[in-house]
Each structure stands twice: as structure tokens, then as C-alpha cells.
Amino acid sequence: MNGFPLFSASDASDVETDVEGDEDTEILGDPFHPVTSSSIDAVQLPIFVDEPVDTYAMRNKPAMLQCIAMYALTVSFKCSGRTNLDNITHKSDFVDPQTGIRHVEVNINITRDMIEEYYGLDKFKCECVAMSSRGDIKSRPAVIKEACK
């Protein structure tokens, strides 16, 4: 069995055909019109529109990092080797109606306590990880320092 639905000759009379159909219209899900390679190539690695930047965390005001990626299915933050899900303050995604490109935005708050609890040899850094069906990419790391005490 080749996976195509079976039609009898009597079923053919029930099928309507559009002789003057629009050539740009692609029929999806029809076994006689396979997905073209151009539609597969449209799926690509995410691209960062906005990456986190170096900042300071103060005693009463956490540092806020933002990340926006195009073509991403999910976006998350990884801070000093740990994925931080608890401090995500805003997460949204939308499709640009003019281009049809998906954008995912994530914001996270980094408190002074998080920085003080980090005992690594390097500075406390956060990076954005954007994932798509083609793979995932990381943004530039942002260094978060404690403001003067």
C-alpha cells in the first residue's frame, strides 16, 4: 500500500476540478500535489531581533532582560548554566500579518539574590535560546552585575 487514498471510477465524477485555478495556490494535504521543496526551505533557523544586553541588578529593582526571535517555536533564557523558568515575566508570540513571520518575545527578571547565590568562576551571564524545527541558536551572553551596595 502506498499511502494514497483509493478511488473508484464512480468517485471521479464527484470530484470538482478548477480548470482556471490560480497557479500560485498550493494544495496542501492532497496526495496528488506534494509539498514543494520551496515550502520546506522556508523553515529556517531562528533569527534574533532583540538580544539581552549587559545590565545591573539593584537591591529593590531586578535587572530585566528581553529577547525577541523570528522563526522560533520557543524562546527561553539560560543563566549561568541553568534554565530559568521561574523568573519569566512576559512571554508572547505573534505572526506578523504582512510577512507571515512568527515572532516570539520573552522577558525575565534577574534579582540580586540570584547573582549572590551564583558561585561560579565566571561572571553571572544570561543568554537567550531560540528553538525551531531546524535547530536552536543562542544569543550573545549578557553579563548581569550587582549594583554598588
N, C-alpha and C. Protein backbone atom coordinates (compact mmCIF):
# COMPACT_ATOMS: atom_id res chain seq x y z
N MET A 1 0.86 -1.18 0.00
CA MET A 1 0.00 0.00 0.00
C MET A 1 0.90 1.22 0.00
N ASN A 2 0.60 2.22 -0.85
CA ASN A 2 1.45 3.38 -1.00
C ASN A 2 1.02 4.57 -0.17
N GLY A 3 -0.05 4.48 0.59
CA GLY A 3 -0.47 5.57 1.47
C GLY A 3 -1.45 6.53 0.80
N PHE A 4 -1.74 6.36 -0.48
CA PHE A 4 -2.69 7.21 -1.17
C PHE A 4 -4.09 6.65 -1.02
N PRO A 5 -5.12 7.52 -0.91
CA PRO A 5 -6.47 7.00 -0.81
C PRO A 5 -6.87 6.34 -2.13
N LEU A 6 -7.69 5.32 -2.05
CA LEU A 6 -8.12 4.60 -3.24
C LEU A 6 -9.41 5.20 -3.76
N PHE A 7 -9.47 5.43 -5.06
CA PHE A 7 -10.65 5.97 -5.71
C PHE A 7 -11.15 4.96 -6.72
N SER A 8 -12.44 4.87 -6.81
CA SER A 8 -13.02 4.06 -7.88
C SER A 8 -13.43 4.99 -9.02
N ALA A 9 -13.74 4.44 -10.15
CA ALA A 9 -14.13 5.25 -11.30
C ALA A 9 -15.40 6.03 -11.02
N SER A 10 -16.28 5.51 -10.17
CA SER A 10 -17.52 6.23 -9.86
C SER A 10 -17.26 7.44 -8.97
N ASP A 11 -16.17 7.40 -8.18
CA ASP A 11 -15.82 8.53 -7.33
C ASP A 11 -15.30 9.71 -8.14
N ALA A 12 -14.74 9.46 -9.30
CA ALA A 12 -14.15 10.52 -10.11
C ALA A 12 -15.17 11.53 -10.57
N SER A 13 -16.43 11.14 -10.73
CA SER A 13 -17.45 12.08 -11.17
C SER A 13 -17.82 13.07 -10.08
N ASP A 14 -17.57 12.71 -8.81
CA ASP A 14 -17.88 13.60 -7.70
C ASP A 14 -16.81 14.65 -7.45
N VAL A 15 -15.64 14.51 -8.06
CA VAL A 15 -14.53 15.42 -7.81
C VAL A 15 -14.64 16.60 -8.75
N GLU A 16 -14.64 17.81 -8.17
CA GLU A 16 -14.69 19.01 -9.00
C GLU A 16 -13.26 19.43 -9.32
N THR A 17 -13.08 19.93 -10.54
CA THR A 17 -11.76 20.42 -10.93
C THR A 17 -11.88 21.87 -11.32
N ASP A 18 -10.87 22.63 -11.06
CA ASP A 18 -10.82 24.05 -11.38
C ASP A 18 -9.84 24.23 -12.52
N VAL A 19 -10.36 24.37 -13.73
CA VAL A 19 -9.51 24.46 -14.91
C VAL A 19 -8.75 25.76 -14.91
N GLU A 20 -9.41 26.85 -14.47
CA GLU A 20 -8.75 28.15 -14.49
C GLU A 20 -8.24 28.50 -13.10
N GLY A 21 -7.75 27.53 -12.35
CA GLY A 21 -7.30 27.74 -10.97
C GLY A 21 -6.08 28.64 -10.92
N ASP A 22 -5.89 29.27 -9.80
CA ASP A 22 -4.75 30.15 -9.58
C ASP A 22 -3.49 29.31 -9.46
N GLU A 23 -2.51 29.60 -10.28
CA GLU A 23 -1.29 28.79 -10.30
C GLU A 23 -0.46 28.97 -9.04
N ASP A 24 -0.66 30.10 -8.33
CA ASP A 24 0.10 30.35 -7.11
C ASP A 24 -0.48 29.61 -5.91
N THR A 25 -1.70 29.12 -6.03
CA THR A 25 -2.33 28.41 -4.94
C THR A 25 -1.75 27.01 -4.83
N GLU A 26 -1.30 26.66 -3.63
CA GLU A 26 -0.75 25.32 -3.41
C GLU A 26 -1.76 24.49 -2.66
N ILE A 27 -2.02 23.31 -3.12
CA ILE A 27 -2.98 22.42 -2.48
C ILE A 27 -2.22 21.57 -1.48
N LEU A 28 -2.51 21.78 -0.20
CA LEU A 28 -1.83 21.03 0.86
C LEU A 28 -2.69 19.87 1.29
N GLY A 29 -2.06 18.78 1.61
CA GLY A 29 -2.76 17.62 2.10
C GLY A 29 -3.30 16.73 0.99
N ASP A 30 -3.21 17.15 -0.23
CA ASP A 30 -3.68 16.35 -1.36
C ASP A 30 -2.53 15.46 -1.81
N PRO A 31 -2.72 14.14 -1.86
CA PRO A 31 -1.61 13.24 -2.20
C PRO A 31 -1.12 13.41 -3.63
N PHE A 32 -1.92 14.04 -4.48
CA PHE A 32 -1.51 14.23 -5.87
C PHE A 32 -0.77 15.54 -6.07
N HIS A 33 -0.68 16.37 -5.03
CA HIS A 33 0.06 17.63 -5.08
C HIS A 33 1.04 17.66 -3.92
N PRO A 34 2.21 17.08 -4.07
CA PRO A 34 3.16 17.01 -2.95
C PRO A 34 3.66 18.40 -2.56
N VAL A 35 4.07 18.52 -1.33
CA VAL A 35 4.64 19.77 -0.84
C VAL A 35 5.92 20.04 -1.61
N THR A 36 6.07 21.25 -2.09
CA THR A 36 7.23 21.58 -2.88
C THR A 36 8.44 21.81 -1.99
N SER A 37 9.61 21.70 -2.56
CA SER A 37 10.82 21.91 -1.78
C SER A 37 10.96 23.35 -1.35
N SER A 38 10.36 24.30 -2.09
CA SER A 38 10.45 25.71 -1.69
C SER A 38 9.72 25.96 -0.38
N SER A 39 8.61 25.24 -0.12
CA SER A 39 7.90 25.43 1.14
C SER A 39 8.68 24.81 2.29
N ILE A 40 9.46 23.77 2.05
CA ILE A 40 10.30 23.17 3.08
C ILE A 40 11.48 24.08 3.39
N ASP A 41 12.05 24.71 2.36
CA ASP A 41 13.19 25.59 2.56
C ASP A 41 12.82 26.85 3.33
N ALA A 42 11.53 27.18 3.38
CA ALA A 42 11.09 28.38 4.09
C ALA A 42 11.31 28.23 5.59
N VAL A 43 11.37 27.01 6.11
CA VAL A 43 11.63 26.79 7.52
C VAL A 43 13.13 26.97 7.74
N GLN A 44 13.50 27.88 8.61
CA GLN A 44 14.92 28.16 8.81
C GLN A 44 15.23 28.32 10.29
N LEU A 45 16.49 28.49 10.58
CA LEU A 45 16.90 28.74 11.95
C LEU A 45 16.34 30.08 12.43
N PRO A 46 16.09 30.19 13.73
CA PRO A 46 15.60 31.47 14.25
C PRO A 46 16.63 32.58 14.06
N ILE A 47 16.15 33.80 14.04
CA ILE A 47 16.99 35.00 13.93
C ILE A 47 16.60 35.91 15.09
N PHE A 48 17.60 36.41 15.82
CA PHE A 48 17.31 37.31 16.93
C PHE A 48 17.07 38.72 16.42
N VAL A 49 15.95 39.30 16.85
CA VAL A 49 15.62 40.68 16.56
C VAL A 49 16.14 41.56 17.69
N ASP A 50 16.04 41.05 18.92
CA ASP A 50 16.50 41.76 20.11
C ASP A 50 17.17 40.75 21.03
N GLU A 51 18.40 41.03 21.44
CA GLU A 51 19.16 40.15 22.31
C GLU A 51 19.35 40.81 23.67
N PRO A 52 19.60 40.03 24.72
CA PRO A 52 19.83 40.62 26.04
C PRO A 52 21.13 41.43 26.05
N VAL A 53 21.14 42.50 26.84
CA VAL A 53 22.32 43.37 26.95
C VAL A 53 22.81 43.38 28.39
N ASP A 54 24.10 43.72 28.58
CA ASP A 54 24.69 43.81 29.91
C ASP A 54 23.91 44.83 30.74
N THR A 55 23.73 44.52 32.02
CA THR A 55 22.96 45.42 32.89
C THR A 55 23.33 45.18 34.35
N TYR A 56 22.65 45.91 35.23
CA TYR A 56 22.87 45.80 36.66
C TYR A 56 21.57 45.43 37.37
N ALA A 57 21.70 44.65 38.44
CA ALA A 57 20.56 44.35 39.31
C ALA A 57 20.75 45.14 40.60
N MET A 58 19.73 45.90 40.98
CA MET A 58 19.80 46.72 42.19
C MET A 58 19.08 46.00 43.34
N ARG A 59 19.22 46.56 44.51
CA ARG A 59 18.63 45.95 45.70
C ARG A 59 17.12 45.81 45.56
N ASN A 60 16.42 46.87 45.17
CA ASN A 60 14.96 46.84 45.09
C ASN A 60 14.43 46.76 43.66
N LYS A 61 15.33 46.67 42.70
CA LYS A 61 14.89 46.65 41.31
C LYS A 61 15.70 45.60 40.54
N PRO A 62 15.04 44.50 40.12
CA PRO A 62 15.78 43.47 39.38
C PRO A 62 16.16 43.95 37.98
N ALA A 63 17.13 43.29 37.40
CA ALA A 63 17.52 43.57 36.02
C ALA A 63 16.51 42.87 35.11
N MET A 64 16.04 43.57 34.08
CA MET A 64 15.09 42.99 33.16
C MET A 64 15.79 42.76 31.82
N LEU A 65 15.75 41.51 31.36
CA LEU A 65 16.33 41.16 30.07
C LEU A 65 15.21 40.82 29.10
N GLN A 66 15.42 41.18 27.85
CA GLN A 66 14.42 40.92 26.82
C GLN A 66 15.06 40.22 25.64
N CYS A 67 14.28 39.35 25.02
CA CYS A 67 14.75 38.62 23.85
C CYS A 67 13.58 38.46 22.89
N ILE A 68 13.81 38.78 21.61
CA ILE A 68 12.80 38.59 20.57
C ILE A 68 13.47 37.84 19.43
N ALA A 69 12.81 36.79 18.95
CA ALA A 69 13.35 35.99 17.85
C ALA A 69 12.28 35.75 16.79
N MET A 70 12.71 35.77 15.53
CA MET A 70 11.84 35.44 14.41
C MET A 70 12.06 33.98 14.05
N TYR A 71 11.06 33.35 13.47
CA TYR A 71 11.09 31.96 13.00
C TYR A 71 11.27 30.96 14.14
N ALA A 72 11.04 31.36 15.39
CA ALA A 72 11.25 30.47 16.53
C ALA A 72 9.93 29.85 16.97
N LEU A 73 10.01 28.61 17.42
CA LEU A 73 8.85 27.96 18.04
C LEU A 73 8.79 28.31 19.52
N THR A 74 9.95 28.24 20.18
CA THR A 74 10.05 28.62 21.59
C THR A 74 11.32 29.42 21.82
N VAL A 75 11.27 30.25 22.85
CA VAL A 75 12.42 31.05 23.27
C VAL A 75 12.49 30.97 24.79
N SER A 76 13.69 30.75 25.31
CA SER A 76 13.87 30.68 26.76
C SER A 76 15.20 31.32 27.13
N PHE A 77 15.40 31.53 28.43
CA PHE A 77 16.66 32.07 28.93
C PHE A 77 17.43 30.98 29.65
N LYS A 78 18.73 31.05 29.50
CA LYS A 78 19.64 30.17 30.23
C LYS A 78 20.64 31.09 30.92
N CYS A 79 20.66 31.04 32.26
CA CYS A 79 21.52 31.93 33.05
C CYS A 79 22.54 31.12 33.82
N SER A 80 23.79 31.35 33.51
CA SER A 80 24.91 30.68 34.17
C SER A 80 24.70 29.17 34.25
N GLY A 81 24.30 28.59 33.12
CA GLY A 81 24.16 27.15 33.02
C GLY A 81 22.82 26.59 33.44
N ARG A 82 21.94 27.42 34.00
CA ARG A 82 20.63 26.95 34.46
C ARG A 82 19.53 27.58 33.63
N THR A 83 18.55 26.77 33.28
CA THR A 83 17.38 27.30 32.58
C THR A 83 16.44 27.89 33.61
N ASN A 84 16.15 29.17 33.47
CA ASN A 84 15.31 29.87 34.45
C ASN A 84 13.89 29.99 33.94
N LEU A 85 13.00 29.24 34.55
CA LEU A 85 11.60 29.31 34.17
C LEU A 85 10.77 30.10 35.19
N ASP A 86 11.27 30.22 36.41
CA ASP A 86 10.52 30.87 37.47
C ASP A 86 10.44 32.39 37.31
N ASN A 87 11.46 32.99 36.71
CA ASN A 87 11.53 34.45 36.66
C ASN A 87 11.06 35.04 35.34
N ILE A 88 10.44 34.23 34.49
CA ILE A 88 9.91 34.75 33.24
C ILE A 88 8.73 35.66 33.58
N THR A 89 8.79 36.92 33.16
CA THR A 89 7.73 37.86 33.48
C THR A 89 6.76 38.06 32.33
N HIS A 90 7.24 37.84 31.11
CA HIS A 90 6.39 38.07 29.94
C HIS A 90 6.81 37.11 28.84
N LYS A 91 5.83 36.48 28.23
CA LYS A 91 6.11 35.59 27.11
C LYS A 91 4.97 35.74 26.12
N SER A 92 5.29 36.08 24.89
CA SER A 92 4.24 36.23 23.89
C SER A 92 4.77 35.84 22.53
N ASP A 93 3.86 35.48 21.66
CA ASP A 93 4.24 35.21 20.29
C ASP A 93 3.14 35.72 19.38
N PHE A 94 3.54 36.17 18.20
CA PHE A 94 2.58 36.65 17.23
C PHE A 94 3.14 36.43 15.83
N VAL A 95 2.26 36.45 14.88
CA VAL A 95 2.64 36.32 13.48
C VAL A 95 2.40 37.67 12.82
N ASP A 96 3.44 38.22 12.22
CA ASP A 96 3.32 39.49 11.51
C ASP A 96 2.37 39.30 10.33
N PRO A 97 1.26 40.05 10.29
CA PRO A 97 0.28 39.83 9.23
C PRO A 97 0.79 40.19 7.83
N GLN A 98 1.77 41.07 7.74
CA GLN A 98 2.29 41.46 6.43
C GLN A 98 3.28 40.46 5.88
N THR A 99 4.11 39.88 6.75
CA THR A 99 5.15 38.96 6.28
C THR A 99 4.83 37.50 6.56
N GLY A 100 3.95 37.24 7.52
CA GLY A 100 3.64 35.87 7.90
C GLY A 100 4.73 35.22 8.74
N ILE A 101 5.65 36.03 9.28
CA ILE A 101 6.76 35.52 10.08
C ILE A 101 6.39 35.54 11.55
N ARG A 102 6.66 34.43 12.22
CA ARG A 102 6.36 34.29 13.65
C ARG A 102 7.46 34.96 14.47
N HIS A 103 7.05 35.75 15.48
CA HIS A 103 7.96 36.40 16.43
C HIS A 103 7.62 35.89 17.82
N VAL A 104 8.64 35.57 18.60
CA VAL A 104 8.44 35.15 19.99
C VAL A 104 9.25 36.09 20.88
N GLU A 105 8.59 36.62 21.91
CA GLU A 105 9.24 37.56 22.83
C GLU A 105 9.19 37.00 24.23
N VAL A 106 10.32 37.11 24.95
CA VAL A 106 10.41 36.64 26.34
C VAL A 106 11.17 37.69 27.15
N ASN A 107 10.64 37.99 28.34
CA ASN A 107 11.31 38.88 29.29
C ASN A 107 11.54 38.11 30.58
N ILE A 108 12.66 38.41 31.23
CA ILE A 108 12.98 37.75 32.50
C ILE A 108 13.55 38.79 33.47
N ASN A 109 13.26 38.62 34.76
CA ASN A 109 13.83 39.47 35.80
C ASN A 109 14.93 38.70 36.52
N ILE A 110 16.07 39.34 36.67
CA ILE A 110 17.21 38.77 37.39
C ILE A 110 17.41 39.59 38.67
N THR A 111 17.23 38.94 39.80
CA THR A 111 17.36 39.63 41.09
C THR A 111 18.79 39.57 41.60
N ARG A 112 19.08 40.44 42.56
CA ARG A 112 20.41 40.40 43.20
C ARG A 112 20.63 39.09 43.92
N ASP A 113 19.58 38.52 44.47
CA ASP A 113 19.70 37.24 45.17
C ASP A 113 20.20 36.15 44.22
N MET A 114 19.71 36.15 43.00
CA MET A 114 20.15 35.15 42.02
C MET A 114 21.65 35.30 41.74
N ILE A 115 22.11 36.52 41.65
CA ILE A 115 23.53 36.77 41.38
C ILE A 115 24.37 36.38 42.59
N GLU A 116 23.90 36.72 43.79
CA GLU A 116 24.64 36.40 45.01
C GLU A 116 24.71 34.89 45.25
N GLU A 117 23.70 34.14 44.82
CA GLU A 117 23.67 32.69 45.01
C GLU A 117 24.52 31.95 43.99
N TYR A 118 25.02 32.65 42.99
CA TYR A 118 25.84 32.02 41.97
C TYR A 118 27.29 31.99 42.45
N TYR A 119 27.89 30.78 42.48
CA TYR A 119 29.26 30.63 42.97
C TYR A 119 30.22 30.17 41.88
N GLY A 120 29.91 30.45 40.64
CA GLY A 120 30.77 30.04 39.55
C GLY A 120 32.02 30.92 39.45
N LEU A 121 32.96 30.47 38.66
CA LEU A 121 34.19 31.23 38.47
C LEU A 121 33.99 32.42 37.54
N ASP A 122 33.10 32.28 36.58
CA ASP A 122 32.81 33.37 35.65
C ASP A 122 31.81 34.33 36.25
N LYS A 123 31.56 35.41 35.53
CA LYS A 123 30.53 36.36 35.92
C LYS A 123 29.16 35.75 35.65
N PHE A 124 28.14 36.28 36.29
CA PHE A 124 26.77 35.81 36.09
C PHE A 124 26.32 36.27 34.71
N LYS A 125 25.98 35.31 33.83
CA LYS A 125 25.60 35.63 32.45
C LYS A 125 24.29 34.96 32.10
N CYS A 126 23.54 35.61 31.24
CA CYS A 126 22.30 35.04 30.72
C CYS A 126 22.33 35.14 29.20
N GLU A 127 21.82 34.10 28.57
CA GLU A 127 21.70 34.10 27.12
C GLU A 127 20.32 33.59 26.75
N CYS A 128 19.91 33.95 25.58
CA CYS A 128 18.61 33.56 25.07
C CYS A 128 18.80 32.35 24.15
N VAL A 129 17.91 31.37 24.24
CA VAL A 129 17.96 30.19 23.39
C VAL A 129 16.66 30.14 22.60
N ALA A 130 16.79 30.23 21.27
CA ALA A 130 15.62 30.17 20.38
C ALA A 130 15.65 28.85 19.64
N MET A 131 14.50 28.15 19.63
CA MET A 131 14.42 26.83 19.01
C MET A 131 13.39 26.82 17.89
N SER A 132 13.74 26.10 16.82
CA SER A 132 12.81 25.87 15.72
C SER A 132 12.95 24.42 15.29
N SER A 133 12.19 24.02 14.30
CA SER A 133 12.28 22.64 13.82
C SER A 133 13.61 22.38 13.12
N ARG A 134 14.29 23.42 12.68
CA ARG A 134 15.60 23.28 12.03
C ARG A 134 16.76 23.19 13.03
N GLY A 135 16.53 23.62 14.27
CA GLY A 135 17.59 23.61 15.27
C GLY A 135 17.43 24.76 16.22
N ASP A 136 18.42 24.97 17.07
CA ASP A 136 18.36 26.07 18.01
C ASP A 136 19.64 26.89 17.97
N ILE A 137 19.50 28.17 18.35
CA ILE A 137 20.64 29.08 18.39
C ILE A 137 20.64 29.80 19.72
N LYS A 138 21.82 30.31 20.09
CA LYS A 138 21.97 31.06 21.33
C LYS A 138 22.34 32.49 20.99
N SER A 139 21.84 33.41 21.80
CA SER A 139 22.18 34.82 21.63
C SER A 139 23.53 35.10 22.27
N ARG A 140 23.98 36.31 22.15
CA ARG A 140 25.19 36.73 22.85
C ARG A 140 24.88 36.73 24.34
N PRO A 141 25.84 36.37 25.19
CA PRO A 141 25.58 36.38 26.63
C PRO A 141 25.58 37.81 27.17
N ALA A 142 24.67 38.09 28.07
CA ALA A 142 24.61 39.38 28.76
C ALA A 142 25.12 39.17 30.19
N VAL A 143 26.03 40.04 30.61
CA VAL A 143 26.58 39.98 31.96
C VAL A 143 25.71 40.83 32.86
N ILE A 144 25.27 40.26 33.98
CA ILE A 144 24.46 40.98 34.95
C ILE A 144 25.30 41.11 36.23
N LYS A 145 25.51 42.35 36.64
CA LYS A 145 26.30 42.63 37.84
C LYS A 145 25.42 43.21 38.92
N GLU A 146 25.88 43.08 40.17
CA GLU A 146 25.21 43.73 41.29
C GLU A 146 25.56 45.21 41.27
N ALA A 147 24.57 46.05 41.48
CA ALA A 147 24.84 47.48 41.62
C ALA A 147 25.54 47.68 42.96
N CYS A 148 26.27 48.76 43.11
CA CYS A 148 27.02 49.03 44.35
C CYS A 148 26.11 48.97 45.55
N LYS A 149 26.66 48.41 46.62
CA LYS A 149 25.86 48.21 47.84
C LYS A 149 25.67 49.46 48.61
